[in-house]
Amino acid sequence: MILNKTSDSIEIGWEHINGISVNLRGFYGYLIQYSIDPDGTNYTDVAIVSYDSDPYWKIENLKINTIYYIKVTPYRKFGDNKETGKAYDTLEVKTDCSGKKIVLTS
């Protein structure tokens, strides 16, 4: 879910995966990615958030007035390997215009 957006950032939140034992939570997390391609290719990895963290992330340094496709994908670790699950619904978000005031002088 989109929590906030500006001209160069988007804040997202999601629901934790249900039913994971407290003893196993250290093996689970979320991969956050975005793309500017409407066909959903060329995703850029933004962050990996552990299950024990708040289900929230702020993606920064984005382009003004641009549509982004954002995915949050659950994963679990097996040693050095990660097995990803089904991604949450892809978010389509457009960053705001700059919002800066232009002062004209004569």
PDB file of N, CA and C in Angstrom:
ATOM      1  N   MET A   1       0.829  -1.163   0.000  1.00  0.00           N
ATOM      2  CA  MET A   1       0.000   0.000   0.000  1.00  0.00           C
ATOM      3  C   MET A   1       0.882   1.238   0.000  1.00  0.00           C
ATOM      4  N   ILE A   2       0.418   2.266  -0.661  1.00  0.00           N
ATOM      5  CA  ILE A   2       1.154   3.521  -0.733  1.00  0.00           C
ATOM      6  C   ILE A   2       0.821   4.337   0.506  1.00  0.00           C
ATOM      7  N   LEU A   3       1.845   4.740   1.247  1.00  0.00           N
ATOM      8  CA  LEU A   3       1.631   5.537   2.450  1.00  0.00           C
ATOM      9  C   LEU A   3       1.821   7.019   2.180  1.00  0.00           C
ATOM     10  N   ASN A   4       2.748   7.349   1.285  1.00  0.00           N
ATOM     11  CA  ASN A   4       3.027   8.747   0.970  1.00  0.00           C
ATOM     12  C   ASN A   4       3.867   8.788  -0.301  1.00  0.00           C
ATOM     13  N   LYS A   5       3.803   9.909  -1.007  1.00  0.00           N
ATOM     14  CA  LYS A   5       4.679  10.108  -2.164  1.00  0.00           C
ATOM     15  C   LYS A   5       4.989  11.587  -2.293  1.00  0.00           C
ATOM     16  N   THR A   6       6.148  11.864  -2.843  1.00  0.00           N
ATOM     17  CA  THR A   6       6.574  13.234  -3.112  1.00  0.00           C
ATOM     18  C   THR A   6       7.092  13.262  -4.541  1.00  0.00           C
ATOM     19  N   SER A   7       7.799  14.317  -4.885  1.00  0.00           N
ATOM     20  CA  SER A   7       8.355  14.399  -6.235  1.00  0.00           C
ATOM     21  C   SER A   7       9.527  13.447  -6.437  1.00  0.00           C
ATOM     22  N   ASP A   8      10.174  12.986  -5.344  1.00  0.00           N
ATOM     23  CA  ASP A   8      11.335  12.111  -5.506  1.00  0.00           C
ATOM     24  C   ASP A   8      11.372  10.919  -4.547  1.00  0.00           C
ATOM     25  N   SER A   9      10.229  10.619  -3.909  1.00  0.00           N
ATOM     26  CA  SER A   9      10.200   9.460  -3.009  1.00  0.00           C
ATOM     27  C   SER A   9       8.795   8.862  -2.942  1.00  0.00           C
ATOM     28  N   ILE A  10       8.760   7.569  -2.596  1.00  0.00           N
ATOM     29  CA  ILE A  10       7.506   6.846  -2.406  1.00  0.00           C
ATOM     30  C   ILE A  10       7.670   5.994  -1.149  1.00  0.00           C
ATOM     31  N   GLU A  11       6.721   6.110  -0.219  1.00  0.00           N
ATOM     32  CA  GLU A  11       6.721   5.300   0.993  1.00  0.00           C
ATOM     33  C   GLU A  11       5.656   4.221   0.854  1.00  0.00           C
ATOM     34  N   ILE A  12       6.058   2.970   1.129  1.00  0.00           N
ATOM     35  CA  ILE A  12       5.129   1.851   1.001  1.00  0.00           C
ATOM     36  C   ILE A  12       5.072   1.065   2.304  1.00  0.00           C
ATOM     37  N   GLY A  13       3.973   0.350   2.478  1.00  0.00           N
ATOM     38  CA  GLY A  13       3.797  -0.546   3.609  1.00  0.00           C
ATOM     39  C   GLY A  13       3.087  -1.793   3.130  1.00  0.00           C
ATOM     40  N   TRP A  14       3.181  -2.872   3.882  1.00  0.00           N
ATOM     41  CA  TRP A  14       2.546  -4.142   3.511  1.00  0.00           C
ATOM     42  C   TRP A  14       2.248  -4.931   4.775  1.00  0.00           C
ATOM     43  N   GLU A  15       1.467  -5.984   4.634  1.00  0.00           N
ATOM     44  CA  GLU A  15       1.127  -6.868   5.752  1.00  0.00           C
ATOM     45  C   GLU A  15       2.179  -7.974   5.855  1.00  0.00           C
ATOM     46  N   HIS A  16       2.557  -8.300   7.088  1.00  0.00           N
ATOM     47  CA  HIS A  16       3.467  -9.424   7.293  1.00  0.00           C
ATOM     48  C   HIS A  16       2.799 -10.736   6.858  1.00  0.00           C
ATOM     49  N   ILE A  17       3.611 -11.698   6.460  1.00  0.00           N
ATOM     50  CA  ILE A  17       3.139 -13.050   6.176  1.00  0.00           C
ATOM     51  C   ILE A  17       2.607 -13.626   7.489  1.00  0.00           C
ATOM     52  N   ASN A  18       1.444 -14.237   7.445  1.00  0.00           N
ATOM     53  CA  ASN A  18       0.839 -14.800   8.661  1.00  0.00           C
ATOM     54  C   ASN A  18       1.379 -16.187   8.977  1.00  0.00           C
ATOM     55  N   GLY A  19       1.373 -16.533  10.257  1.00  0.00           N
ATOM     56  CA  GLY A  19       1.624 -17.897  10.691  1.00  0.00           C
ATOM     57  C   GLY A  19       3.071 -18.330  10.796  1.00  0.00           C
ATOM     58  N   ILE A  20       4.007 -17.382  10.782  1.00  0.00           N
ATOM     59  CA  ILE A  20       5.417 -17.776  10.900  1.00  0.00           C
ATOM     60  C   ILE A  20       5.800 -17.810  12.373  1.00  0.00           C
ATOM     61  N   SER A  21       6.335 -18.941  12.813  1.00  0.00           N
ATOM     62  CA  SER A  21       6.745 -19.129  14.196  1.00  0.00           C
ATOM     63  C   SER A  21       7.814 -18.106  14.585  1.00  0.00           C
ATOM     64  N   VAL A  22       7.770 -17.678  15.825  1.00  0.00           N
ATOM     65  CA  VAL A  22       8.769 -16.737  16.343  1.00  0.00           C
ATOM     66  C   VAL A  22      10.178 -17.287  16.143  1.00  0.00           C
ATOM     67  N   ASN A  23      10.357 -18.597  16.277  1.00  0.00           N
ATOM     68  CA  ASN A  23      11.670 -19.230  16.133  1.00  0.00           C
ATOM     69  C   ASN A  23      12.184 -19.203  14.695  1.00  0.00           C
ATOM     70  N   LEU A  24      11.300 -19.029  13.716  1.00  0.00           N
ATOM     71  CA  LEU A  24      11.697 -19.072  12.311  1.00  0.00           C
ATOM     72  C   LEU A  24      11.732 -17.700  11.635  1.00  0.00           C
ATOM     73  N   ARG A  25      11.289 -16.661  12.315  1.00  0.00           N
ATOM     74  CA  ARG A  25      11.183 -15.336  11.691  1.00  0.00           C
ATOM     75  C   ARG A  25      12.507 -14.790  11.177  1.00  0.00           C
ATOM     76  N   GLY A  26      13.609 -15.184  11.767  1.00  0.00           N
ATOM     77  CA  GLY A  26      14.920 -14.727  11.320  1.00  0.00           C
ATOM     78  C   GLY A  26      15.279 -15.224   9.927  1.00  0.00           C
ATOM     79  N   PHE A  27      14.558 -16.209   9.417  1.00  0.00           N
ATOM     80  CA  PHE A  27      14.823 -16.760   8.087  1.00  0.00           C
ATOM     81  C   PHE A  27      13.948 -16.120   7.001  1.00  0.00           C
ATOM     82  N   TYR A  28      13.065 -15.214   7.382  1.00  0.00           N
ATOM     83  CA  TYR A  28      12.118 -14.629   6.434  1.00  0.00           C
ATOM     84  C   TYR A  28      12.348 -13.135   6.258  1.00  0.00           C
ATOM     85  N   GLY A  29      11.964 -12.625   5.092  1.00  0.00           N
ATOM     86  CA  GLY A  29      12.084 -11.203   4.826  1.00  0.00           C
ATOM     87  C   GLY A  29      11.351 -10.830   3.550  1.00  0.00           C
ATOM     88  N   TYR A  30      11.635  -9.626   3.057  1.00  0.00           N
ATOM     89  CA  TYR A  30      10.947  -9.087   1.880  1.00  0.00           C
ATOM     90  C   TYR A  30      11.952  -8.401   0.960  1.00  0.00           C
ATOM     91  N   LEU A  31      11.851  -8.679  -0.314  1.00  0.00           N
ATOM     92  CA  LEU A  31      12.660  -8.023  -1.333  1.00  0.00           C
ATOM     93  C   LEU A  31      11.820  -6.910  -1.942  1.00  0.00           C
ATOM     94  N   ILE A  32      12.343  -5.687  -1.950  1.00  0.00           N
ATOM     95  CA  ILE A  32      11.636  -4.535  -2.518  1.00  0.00           C
ATOM     96  C   ILE A  32      12.327  -4.156  -3.817  1.00  0.00           C
ATOM     97  N   GLN A  33      11.523  -4.001  -4.884  1.00  0.00           N
ATOM     98  CA  GLN A  33      12.048  -3.681  -6.212  1.00  0.00           C
ATOM     99  C   GLN A  33      11.150  -2.661  -6.899  1.00  0.00           C
ATOM    100  N   TYR A  34      11.731  -1.934  -7.868  1.00  0.00           N
ATOM    101  CA  TYR A  34      10.899  -1.068  -8.698  1.00  0.00           C
ATOM    102  C   TYR A  34      11.378  -1.110 -10.134  1.00  0.00           C
ATOM    103  N   SER A  35      10.470  -0.708 -11.037  1.00  0.00           N
ATOM    104  CA  SER A  35      10.765  -0.627 -12.469  1.00  0.00           C
ATOM    105  C   SER A  35      10.042   0.581 -13.026  1.00  0.00           C
ATOM    106  N   ILE A  36      10.556   1.137 -14.113  1.00  0.00           N
ATOM    107  CA  ILE A  36       9.828   2.194 -14.822  1.00  0.00           C
ATOM    108  C   ILE A  36       9.268   1.658 -16.137  1.00  0.00           C
ATOM    109  N   ASP A  37       9.484   0.366 -16.391  1.00  0.00           N
ATOM    110  CA  ASP A  37       8.976  -0.266 -17.608  1.00  0.00           C
ATOM    111  C   ASP A  37       7.556  -0.778 -17.377  1.00  0.00           C
ATOM    112  N   PRO A  38       6.593  -0.348 -18.198  1.00  0.00           N
ATOM    113  CA  PRO A  38       5.206  -0.781 -17.993  1.00  0.00           C
ATOM    114  C   PRO A  38       4.991  -2.283 -18.167  1.00  0.00           C
ATOM    115  N   ASP A  39       5.892  -2.962 -18.869  1.00  0.00           N
ATOM    116  CA  ASP A  39       5.718  -4.409 -19.052  1.00  0.00           C
ATOM    117  C   ASP A  39       6.278  -5.209 -17.873  1.00  0.00           C
ATOM    118  N   GLY A  40       6.758  -4.521 -16.841  1.00  0.00           N
ATOM    119  CA  GLY A  40       7.208  -5.204 -15.626  1.00  0.00           C
ATOM    120  C   GLY A  40       8.549  -5.878 -15.733  1.00  0.00           C
ATOM    121  N   THR A  41       9.416  -5.394 -16.605  1.00  0.00           N
ATOM    122  CA  THR A  41      10.759  -5.955 -16.714  1.00  0.00           C
ATOM    123  C   THR A  41      11.765  -4.966 -16.144  1.00  0.00           C
ATOM    124  N   ASN A  42      12.990  -5.408 -16.068  1.00  0.00           N
ATOM    125  CA  ASN A  42      14.094  -4.548 -15.622  1.00  0.00           C
ATOM    126  C   ASN A  42      13.871  -3.969 -14.229  1.00  0.00           C
ATOM    127  N   TYR A  43      13.550  -4.819 -13.282  1.00  0.00           N
ATOM    128  CA  TYR A  43      13.368  -4.353 -11.911  1.00  0.00           C
ATOM    129  C   TYR A  43      14.717  -4.068 -11.269  1.00  0.00           C
ATOM    130  N   THR A  44      14.752  -3.023 -10.464  1.00  0.00           N
ATOM    131  CA  THR A  44      15.923  -2.644  -9.692  1.00  0.00           C
ATOM    132  C   THR A  44      15.679  -3.037  -8.241  1.00  0.00           C
ATOM    133  N   ASP A  45      16.625  -3.763  -7.640  1.00  0.00           N
ATOM    134  CA  ASP A  45      16.506  -4.110  -6.229  1.00  0.00           C
ATOM    135  C   ASP A  45      16.750  -2.861  -5.394  1.00  0.00           C
ATOM    136  N   VAL A  46      15.852  -2.609  -4.451  1.00  0.00           N
ATOM    137  CA  VAL A  46      15.954  -1.426  -3.595  1.00  0.00           C
ATOM    138  C   VAL A  46      16.480  -1.809  -2.225  1.00  0.00           C
ATOM    139  N   ALA A  47      15.884  -2.847  -1.632  1.00  0.00           N
ATOM    140  CA  ALA A  47      16.261  -3.229  -0.272  1.00  0.00           C
ATOM    141  C   ALA A  47      15.777  -4.633   0.024  1.00  0.00           C
ATOM    142  N   ILE A  48      16.380  -5.213   1.045  1.00  0.00           N
ATOM    143  CA  ILE A  48      15.887  -6.447   1.635  1.00  0.00           C
ATOM    144  C   ILE A  48      15.571  -6.105   3.087  1.00  0.00           C
ATOM    145  N   VAL A  49      14.319  -6.322   3.465  1.00  0.00           N
ATOM    146  CA  VAL A  49      13.844  -5.968   4.799  1.00  0.00           C
ATOM    147  C   VAL A  49      13.568  -7.259   5.564  1.00  0.00           C
ATOM    148  N   SER A  50      14.128  -7.388   6.768  1.00  0.00           N
ATOM    149  CA  SER A  50      13.918  -8.605   7.545  1.00  0.00           C
ATOM    150  C   SER A  50      12.488  -8.656   8.076  1.00  0.00           C
ATOM    151  N   TYR A  51      12.035  -9.850   8.352  1.00  0.00           N
ATOM    152  CA  TYR A  51      10.677 -10.051   8.856  1.00  0.00           C
ATOM    153  C   TYR A  51      10.467  -9.323  10.174  1.00  0.00           C
ATOM    154  N   ASP A  52      11.512  -9.242  10.984  1.00  0.00           N
ATOM    155  CA  ASP A  52      11.392  -8.613  12.301  1.00  0.00           C
ATOM    156  C   ASP A  52      11.317  -7.089  12.239  1.00  0.00           C
ATOM    157  N   SER A  53      11.553  -6.501  11.069  1.00  0.00           N
ATOM    158  CA  SER A  53      11.456  -5.050  10.905  1.00  0.00           C
ATOM    159  C   SER A  53      10.016  -4.643  10.633  1.00  0.00           C
ATOM    160  N   ASP A  54       9.743  -3.352  10.754  1.00  0.00           N
ATOM    161  CA  ASP A  54       8.422  -2.852  10.379  1.00  0.00           C
ATOM    162  C   ASP A  54       8.203  -3.094   8.898  1.00  0.00           C
ATOM    163  N   PRO A  55       6.998  -3.482   8.482  1.00  0.00           N
ATOM    164  CA  PRO A  55       6.707  -3.698   7.064  1.00  0.00           C
ATOM    165  C   PRO A  55       6.508  -2.360   6.353  1.00  0.00           C
ATOM    166  N   TYR A  56       7.625  -1.656   6.153  1.00  0.00           N
ATOM    167  CA  TYR A  56       7.615  -0.293   5.629  1.00  0.00           C
ATOM    168  C   TYR A  56       8.938  -0.029   4.932  1.00  0.00           C
ATOM    169  N   TRP A  57       8.893   0.771   3.845  1.00  0.00           N
ATOM    170  CA  TRP A  57      10.135   1.228   3.219  1.00  0.00           C
ATOM    171  C   TRP A  57       9.878   2.528   2.477  1.00  0.00           C
ATOM    172  N   LYS A  58      10.874   3.397   2.475  1.00  0.00           N
ATOM    173  CA  LYS A  58      10.814   4.650   1.714  1.00  0.00           C
ATOM    174  C   LYS A  58      11.841   4.557   0.588  1.00  0.00           C
ATOM    175  N   ILE A  59      11.348   4.591  -0.643  1.00  0.00           N
ATOM    176  CA  ILE A  59      12.218   4.564  -1.821  1.00  0.00           C
ATOM    177  C   ILE A  59      12.518   6.011  -2.182  1.00  0.00           C
ATOM    178  N   GLU A  60      13.796   6.358  -2.223  1.00  0.00           N
ATOM    179  CA  GLU A  60      14.187   7.759  -2.428  1.00  0.00           C
ATOM    180  C   GLU A  60      14.993   7.934  -3.711  1.00  0.00           C
ATOM    181  N   ASN A  61      15.269   9.197  -4.022  1.00  0.00           N
ATOM    182  CA  ASN A  61      16.069   9.583  -5.184  1.00  0.00           C
ATOM    183  C   ASN A  61      15.431   9.146  -6.498  1.00  0.00           C
ATOM    184  N   LEU A  62      14.112   9.273  -6.578  1.00  0.00           N
ATOM    185  CA  LEU A  62      13.387   8.920  -7.787  1.00  0.00           C
ATOM    186  C   LEU A  62      13.252  10.130  -8.699  1.00  0.00           C
ATOM    187  N   LYS A  63      12.811   9.885  -9.931  1.00  0.00           N
ATOM    188  CA  LYS A  63      12.625  10.960 -10.895  1.00  0.00           C
ATOM    189  C   LYS A  63      11.275  11.640 -10.683  1.00  0.00           C
ATOM    190  N   ILE A  64      11.260  12.932 -10.888  1.00  0.00           N
ATOM    191  CA  ILE A  64      10.048  13.726 -10.750  1.00  0.00           C
ATOM    192  C   ILE A  64       9.044  13.349 -11.838  1.00  0.00           C
ATOM    193  N   ASN A  65       7.758  13.289 -11.462  1.00  0.00           N
ATOM    194  CA  ASN A  65       6.662  13.094 -12.407  1.00  0.00           C
ATOM    195  C   ASN A  65       6.854  11.838 -13.271  1.00  0.00           C
ATOM    196  N   THR A  66       7.197  10.733 -12.619  1.00  0.00           N
ATOM    197  CA  THR A  66       7.495   9.482 -13.315  1.00  0.00           C
ATOM    198  C   THR A  66       6.671   8.344 -12.713  1.00  0.00           C
ATOM    199  N   ILE A  67       6.185   7.434 -13.558  1.00  0.00           N
ATOM    200  CA  ILE A  67       5.434   6.274 -13.091  1.00  0.00           C
ATOM    201  C   ILE A  67       6.426   5.161 -12.714  1.00  0.00           C
ATOM    202  N   TYR A  68       6.232   4.609 -11.518  1.00  0.00           N
ATOM    203  CA  TYR A  68       7.042   3.496 -11.030  1.00  0.00           C
ATOM    204  C   TYR A  68       6.139   2.305 -10.737  1.00  0.00           C
ATOM    205  N   TYR A  69       6.673   1.114 -10.981  1.00  0.00           N
ATOM    206  CA  TYR A  69       6.001  -0.147 -10.666  1.00  0.00           C
ATOM    207  C   TYR A  69       6.798  -0.781  -9.537  1.00  0.00           C
ATOM    208  N   ILE A  70       6.150  -0.959  -8.384  1.00  0.00           N
ATOM    209  CA  ILE A  70       6.851  -1.396  -7.182  1.00  0.00           C
ATOM    210  C   ILE A  70       6.338  -2.769  -6.754  1.00  0.00           C
ATOM    211  N   LYS A  71       7.295  -3.677  -6.460  1.00  0.00           N
ATOM    212  CA  LYS A  71       6.973  -5.029  -6.004  1.00  0.00           C
ATOM    213  C   LYS A  71       7.592  -5.279  -4.635  1.00  0.00           C
ATOM    214  N   VAL A  72       6.843  -5.968  -3.786  1.00  0.00           N
ATOM    215  CA  VAL A  72       7.358  -6.487  -2.526  1.00  0.00           C
ATOM    216  C   VAL A  72       7.178  -8.000  -2.597  1.00  0.00           C
ATOM    217  N   THR A  73       8.284  -8.737  -2.504  1.00  0.00           N
ATOM    218  CA  THR A  73       8.250 -10.187  -2.645  1.00  0.00           C
ATOM    219  C   THR A  73       8.775 -10.847  -1.372  1.00  0.00           C
ATOM    220  N   PRO A  74       7.961 -11.677  -0.715  1.00  0.00           N
ATOM    221  CA  PRO A  74       8.443 -12.408   0.459  1.00  0.00           C
ATOM    222  C   PRO A  74       9.505 -13.439   0.061  1.00  0.00           C
ATOM    223  N   TYR A  75      10.421 -13.715   0.976  1.00  0.00           N
ATOM    224  CA  TYR A  75      11.421 -14.757   0.730  1.00  0.00           C
ATOM    225  C   TYR A  75      11.754 -15.453   2.040  1.00  0.00           C
ATOM    226  N   ARG A  76      12.407 -16.595   1.919  1.00  0.00           N
ATOM    227  CA  ARG A  76      12.976 -17.256   3.081  1.00  0.00           C
ATOM    228  C   ARG A  76      14.377 -17.725   2.719  1.00  0.00           C
ATOM    229  N   LYS A  77      15.253 -17.721   3.715  1.00  0.00           N
ATOM    230  CA  LYS A  77      16.662 -18.058   3.501  1.00  0.00           C
ATOM    231  C   LYS A  77      16.936 -19.511   3.852  1.00  0.00           C
ATOM    232  N   PHE A  78      17.800 -20.117   3.058  1.00  0.00           N
ATOM    233  CA  PHE A  78      18.349 -21.444   3.333  1.00  0.00           C
ATOM    234  C   PHE A  78      19.856 -21.315   3.179  1.00  0.00           C
ATOM    235  N   GLY A  79      20.565 -21.055   4.251  1.00  0.00           N
ATOM    236  CA  GLY A  79      21.998 -20.811   4.139  1.00  0.00           C
ATOM    237  C   GLY A  79      22.236 -19.543   3.337  1.00  0.00           C
ATOM    238  N   ASP A  80      22.959 -19.647   2.232  1.00  0.00           N
ATOM    239  CA  ASP A  80      23.224 -18.486   1.376  1.00  0.00           C
ATOM    240  C   ASP A  80      22.176 -18.319   0.285  1.00  0.00           C
ATOM    241  N   ASN A  81      21.231 -19.236   0.192  1.00  0.00           N
ATOM    242  CA  ASN A  81      20.205 -19.184  -0.854  1.00  0.00           C
ATOM    243  C   ASN A  81      18.916 -18.571  -0.329  1.00  0.00           C
ATOM    244  N   LYS A  82      18.149 -17.963  -1.250  1.00  0.00           N
ATOM    245  CA  LYS A  82      16.848 -17.412  -0.908  1.00  0.00           C
ATOM    246  C   LYS A  82      15.808 -17.997  -1.848  1.00  0.00           C
ATOM    247  N   GLU A  83      14.686 -18.398  -1.295  1.00  0.00           N
ATOM    248  CA  GLU A  83      13.567 -18.885  -2.092  1.00  0.00           C
ATOM    249  C   GLU A  83      12.469 -17.829  -2.013  1.00  0.00           C
ATOM    250  N   THR A  84      12.097 -17.256  -3.161  1.00  0.00           N
ATOM    251  CA  THR A  84      11.081 -16.212  -3.149  1.00  0.00           C
ATOM    252  C   THR A  84       9.697 -16.806  -3.326  1.00  0.00           C
ATOM    253  N   GLY A  85       8.735 -16.123  -2.774  1.00  0.00           N
ATOM    254  CA  GLY A  85       7.343 -16.521  -2.914  1.00  0.00           C
ATOM    255  C   GLY A  85       6.663 -15.666  -3.967  1.00  0.00           C
ATOM    256  N   LYS A  86       5.348 -15.656  -3.935  1.00  0.00           N
ATOM    257  CA  LYS A  86       4.566 -14.859  -4.859  1.00  0.00           C
ATOM    258  C   LYS A  86       4.578 -13.411  -4.371  1.00  0.00           C
ATOM    259  N   ALA A  87       4.878 -12.480  -5.279  1.00  0.00           N
ATOM    260  CA  ALA A  87       4.920 -11.068  -4.920  1.00  0.00           C
ATOM    261  C   ALA A  87       3.523 -10.564  -4.579  1.00  0.00           C
ATOM    262  N   TYR A  88       3.477  -9.589  -3.709  1.00  0.00           N
ATOM    263  CA  TYR A  88       2.218  -8.887  -3.467  1.00  0.00           C
ATOM    264  C   TYR A  88       1.834  -8.188  -4.766  1.00  0.00           C
ATOM    265  N   ASP A  89       0.614  -7.671  -4.848  1.00  0.00           N
ATOM    266  CA  ASP A  89       0.192  -6.946  -6.049  1.00  0.00           C
ATOM    267  C   ASP A  89       1.168  -5.818  -6.345  1.00  0.00           C
ATOM    268  N   THR A  90       1.511  -5.658  -7.615  1.00  0.00           N
ATOM    269  CA  THR A  90       2.424  -4.597  -8.027  1.00  0.00           C
ATOM    270  C   THR A  90       1.722  -3.259  -7.891  1.00  0.00           C
ATOM    271  N   LEU A  91       2.420  -2.304  -7.273  1.00  0.00           N
ATOM    272  CA  LEU A  91       1.882  -0.956  -7.118  1.00  0.00           C
ATOM    273  C   LEU A  91       2.317  -0.103  -8.299  1.00  0.00           C
ATOM    274  N   GLU A  92       1.409   0.655  -8.849  1.00  0.00           N
ATOM    275  CA  GLU A  92       1.732   1.633  -9.897  1.00  0.00           C
ATOM    276  C   GLU A  92       1.575   3.009  -9.269  1.00  0.00           C
ATOM    277  N   VAL A  93       2.687   3.745  -9.178  1.00  0.00           N
ATOM    278  CA  VAL A  93       2.687   5.028  -8.490  1.00  0.00           C
ATOM    279  C   VAL A  93       3.412   6.064  -9.335  1.00  0.00           C
ATOM    280  N   LYS A  94       2.840   7.236  -9.431  1.00  0.00           N
ATOM    281  CA  LYS A  94       3.492   8.327 -10.154  1.00  0.00           C
ATOM    282  C   LYS A  94       3.975   9.355  -9.141  1.00  0.00           C
ATOM    283  N   THR A  95       5.257   9.678  -9.211  1.00  0.00           N
ATOM    284  CA  THR A  95       5.795  10.703  -8.332  1.00  0.00           C
ATOM    285  C   THR A  95       5.178  12.051  -8.710  1.00  0.00           C
ATOM    286  N   ASP A  96       5.157  12.957  -7.755  1.00  0.00           N
ATOM    287  CA  ASP A  96       4.550  14.265  -7.972  1.00  0.00           C
ATOM    288  C   ASP A  96       5.435  15.145  -8.854  1.00  0.00           C
ATOM    289  N   CYS A  97       4.823  16.218  -9.344  1.00  0.00           N
ATOM    290  CA  CYS A  97       5.616  17.251 -10.021  1.00  0.00           C
ATOM    291  C   CYS A  97       6.506  17.887  -8.963  1.00  0.00           C
ATOM    292  N   SER A  98       7.443  18.701  -9.364  1.00  0.00           N
ATOM    293  CA  SER A  98       8.443  19.222  -8.435  1.00  0.00           C
ATOM    294  C   SER A  98       7.837  20.001  -7.286  1.00  0.00           C
ATOM    295  N   GLY A  99       6.757  20.731  -7.535  1.00  0.00           N
ATOM    296  CA  GLY A  99       6.134  21.512  -6.477  1.00  0.00           C
ATOM    297  C   GLY A  99       6.903  22.759  -6.112  1.00  0.00           C
ATOM    298  N   LYS A 100       8.001  23.020  -6.801  1.00  0.00           N
ATOM    299  CA  LYS A 100       8.781  24.223  -6.500  1.00  0.00           C
ATOM    300  C   LYS A 100       8.121  25.438  -7.123  1.00  0.00           C
ATOM    301  N   LYS A 101       8.147  26.534  -6.400  1.00  0.00           N
ATOM    302  CA  LYS A 101       7.588  27.770  -6.930  1.00  0.00           C
ATOM    303  C   LYS A 101       8.625  28.444  -7.816  1.00  0.00           C
ATOM    304  N   ILE A 102       8.149  28.941  -8.923  1.00  0.00           N
ATOM    305  CA  ILE A 102       9.035  29.684  -9.821  1.00  0.00           C
ATOM    306  C   ILE A 102       8.722  31.159  -9.640  1.00  0.00           C
ATOM    307  N   VAL A 103       9.727  31.936  -9.317  1.00  0.00           N
ATOM    308  CA  VAL A 103       9.534  33.379  -9.110  1.00  0.00           C
ATOM    309  C   VAL A 103      10.112  34.086 -10.328  1.00  0.00           C
ATOM    310  N   LEU A 104       9.245  34.818 -10.997  1.00  0.00           N
ATOM    311  CA  LEU A 104       9.674  35.576 -12.170  1.00  0.00           C
ATOM    312  C   LEU A 104       9.998  36.997 -11.730  1.00  0.00           C
ATOM    313  N   THR A 105      11.125  37.472 -12.194  1.00  0.00           N
ATOM    314  CA  THR A 105      11.494  38.860 -11.900  1.00  0.00           C
ATOM    315  C   THR A 105      11.636  39.609 -13.211  1.00  0.00           C
ATOM    316  N   SER A 106      11.363  40.874 -13.157  1.00  0.00           N
ATOM    317  CA  SER A 106      11.460  41.666 -14.386  1.00  0.00           C
ATOM    318  C   SER A 106      12.762  42.403 -14.471  1.00  0.00           C
TER     319      SER A 106
END
